[in-house]
Amino acid sequence: MSAAGDDKGTNMKAKELRAKDPEALRKELEELLKAHFSLRMQIATQQLTNTSQLGKTRRDIARVRTVMNEKAAAK
C-alpha cells in the first residue's frame, strides 16, 4: 500500500477485518504502520498536502488492533 495519494485500504470496516484470519490482520497492521510512518515523514518534510490521511490511517490501525485483541480474547 502506497501512502502517497493511494487510498487503497483506508476506511476499512471492522466487519471486513473480522472476516480475516490473524496472519492477514498482522500483515494489514504492518502495512498500515509503514504507511503511517511514511505520512509522518511527509508531514515533517512538508510534502503532505492532504493531512486528513494521517488520521484515517491512525483510525485504521486502531481498528485492526481492536479486532486482533477481540480474536485473542475469544480464544
C-alpha atoms as a PDB file:
ATOM      1  CA  MET A   1       0.000   0.000   0.000  1.00  0.00           C
ATOM      2  CA  SER A   2       1.499   3.287  -1.058  1.00  0.00           C
ATOM      3  CA  ALA A   3       0.915   6.232   1.233  1.00  0.00           C
ATOM      4  CA  ALA A   4       1.385   8.847  -1.472  1.00  0.00           C
ATOM      5  CA  GLY A   5      -2.102   9.585  -2.747  1.00  0.00           C
ATOM      6  CA  ASP A   6      -3.238   5.965  -2.718  1.00  0.00           C
ATOM      7  CA  ASP A   7      -6.446   5.490  -0.734  1.00  0.00           C
ATOM      8  CA  LYS A   8      -6.421   1.696  -1.003  1.00  0.00           C
ATOM      9  CA  GLY A   9      -7.022   0.237   2.436  1.00  0.00           C
ATOM     10  CA  THR A  10      -8.421   3.333   4.071  1.00  0.00           C
ATOM     11  CA  ASN A  11     -11.915   3.487   5.541  1.00  0.00           C
ATOM     12  CA  MET A  12     -11.961  -0.249   6.088  1.00  0.00           C
ATOM     13  CA  LYS A  13     -14.800  -1.676   8.099  1.00  0.00           C
ATOM     14  CA  ALA A  14     -14.384  -3.704  11.268  1.00  0.00           C
ATOM     15  CA  LYS A  15     -16.770  -6.240   9.749  1.00  0.00           C
ATOM     16  CA  GLU A  16     -14.343  -6.805   6.863  1.00  0.00           C
ATOM     17  CA  LEU A  17     -11.449  -7.158   9.291  1.00  0.00           C
ATOM     18  CA  ARG A  18     -13.244  -9.700  11.474  1.00  0.00           C
ATOM     19  CA  ALA A  19     -13.545 -11.982   8.424  1.00  0.00           C
ATOM     20  CA  LYS A  20      -9.741 -12.090   8.045  1.00  0.00           C
ATOM     21  CA  ASP A  21      -7.503 -14.637   9.715  1.00  0.00           C
ATOM     22  CA  PRO A  22      -4.897 -13.497  12.322  1.00  0.00           C
ATOM     23  CA  GLU A  23      -1.997 -13.708   9.856  1.00  0.00           C
ATOM     24  CA  ALA A  24      -3.796 -11.438   7.384  1.00  0.00           C
ATOM     25  CA  LEU A  25      -4.528  -8.996  10.215  1.00  0.00           C
ATOM     26  CA  ARG A  26      -0.835  -8.911  11.190  1.00  0.00           C
ATOM     27  CA  LYS A  27       0.107  -8.211   7.582  1.00  0.00           C
ATOM     28  CA  GLU A  28      -2.530  -5.466   7.330  1.00  0.00           C
ATOM     29  CA  LEU A  29      -1.254  -3.891  10.553  1.00  0.00           C
ATOM     30  CA  GLU A  30       2.313  -3.951   9.271  1.00  0.00           C
ATOM     31  CA  GLU A  31       1.283  -2.228   6.031  1.00  0.00           C
ATOM     32  CA  LEU A  32      -0.705   0.412   7.910  1.00  0.00           C
ATOM     33  CA  LEU A  33       2.188   1.127  10.281  1.00  0.00           C
ATOM     34  CA  LYS A  34       4.528   1.589   7.304  1.00  0.00           C
ATOM     35  CA  ALA A  35       2.014   3.902   5.635  1.00  0.00           C
ATOM     36  CA  HIS A  36       1.601   5.880   8.870  1.00  0.00           C
ATOM     37  CA  PHE A  37       5.370   6.294   9.176  1.00  0.00           C
ATOM     38  CA  SER A  38       5.573   7.445   5.569  1.00  0.00           C
ATOM     39  CA  LEU A  39       2.818  10.004   6.136  1.00  0.00           C
ATOM     40  CA  ARG A  40       4.574  11.316   9.247  1.00  0.00           C
ATOM     41  CA  MET A  41       7.782  11.762   7.265  1.00  0.00           C
ATOM     42  CA  GLN A  42       5.867  13.588   4.525  1.00  0.00           C
ATOM     43  CA  ILE A  43       4.433  15.954   7.128  1.00  0.00           C
ATOM     44  CA  ALA A  44       7.905  16.556   8.580  1.00  0.00           C
ATOM     45  CA  THR A  45       9.263  17.436   5.143  1.00  0.00           C
ATOM     46  CA  GLN A  46       6.126  19.434   4.287  1.00  0.00           C
ATOM     47  CA  GLN A  47       5.296  17.227   1.288  1.00  0.00           C
ATOM     48  CA  LEU A  48       1.891  16.045   2.510  1.00  0.00           C
ATOM     49  CA  THR A  49      -0.985  18.180   1.264  1.00  0.00           C
ATOM     50  CA  ASN A  50      -3.894  16.038   2.496  1.00  0.00           C
ATOM     51  CA  THR A  51      -3.227  15.813   6.240  1.00  0.00           C
ATOM     52  CA  SER A  52      -6.522  14.005   6.883  1.00  0.00           C
ATOM     53  CA  GLN A  53      -4.844  10.833   5.576  1.00  0.00           C
ATOM     54  CA  LEU A  54      -2.828  10.676   8.791  1.00  0.00           C
ATOM     55  CA  GLY A  55      -5.940  10.483  10.970  1.00  0.00           C
ATOM     56  CA  LYS A  56      -7.596   7.930   8.696  1.00  0.00           C
ATOM     57  CA  THR A  57      -4.546   5.702   8.822  1.00  0.00           C
ATOM     58  CA  ARG A  58      -4.347   6.036  12.600  1.00  0.00           C
ATOM     59  CA  ARG A  59      -8.002   5.004  12.960  1.00  0.00           C
ATOM     60  CA  ASP A  60      -7.471   2.038  10.618  1.00  0.00           C
ATOM     61  CA  ILE A  61      -4.536   0.919  12.777  1.00  0.00           C
ATOM     62  CA  ALA A  62      -6.774   1.143  15.838  1.00  0.00           C
ATOM     63  CA  ARG A  63      -9.481  -0.896  14.081  1.00  0.00           C
ATOM     64  CA  VAL A  64      -7.044  -3.657  13.165  1.00  0.00           C
ATOM     65  CA  ARG A  65      -5.602  -3.762  16.683  1.00  0.00           C
ATOM     66  CA  THR A  66      -9.100  -3.872  18.191  1.00  0.00           C
ATOM     67  CA  VAL A  67     -10.114  -6.826  16.010  1.00  0.00           C
ATOM     68  CA  MET A  68      -6.831  -8.591  16.819  1.00  0.00           C
ATOM     69  CA  ASN A  69      -7.488  -8.117  20.545  1.00  0.00           C
ATOM     70  CA  GLU A  70     -11.093  -9.357  20.173  1.00  0.00           C
ATOM     71  CA  LYS A  71      -9.862 -12.507  18.437  1.00  0.00           C
ATOM     72  CA  ALA A  72      -7.158 -13.062  21.076  1.00  0.00           C
ATOM     73  CA  ALA A  73      -9.693 -12.666  23.898  1.00  0.00           C
ATOM     74  CA  ALA A  74     -12.078 -15.106  22.221  1.00  0.00           C
ATOM     75  CA  LYS A  75      -9.519 -17.925  22.360  1.00  0.00           C
END
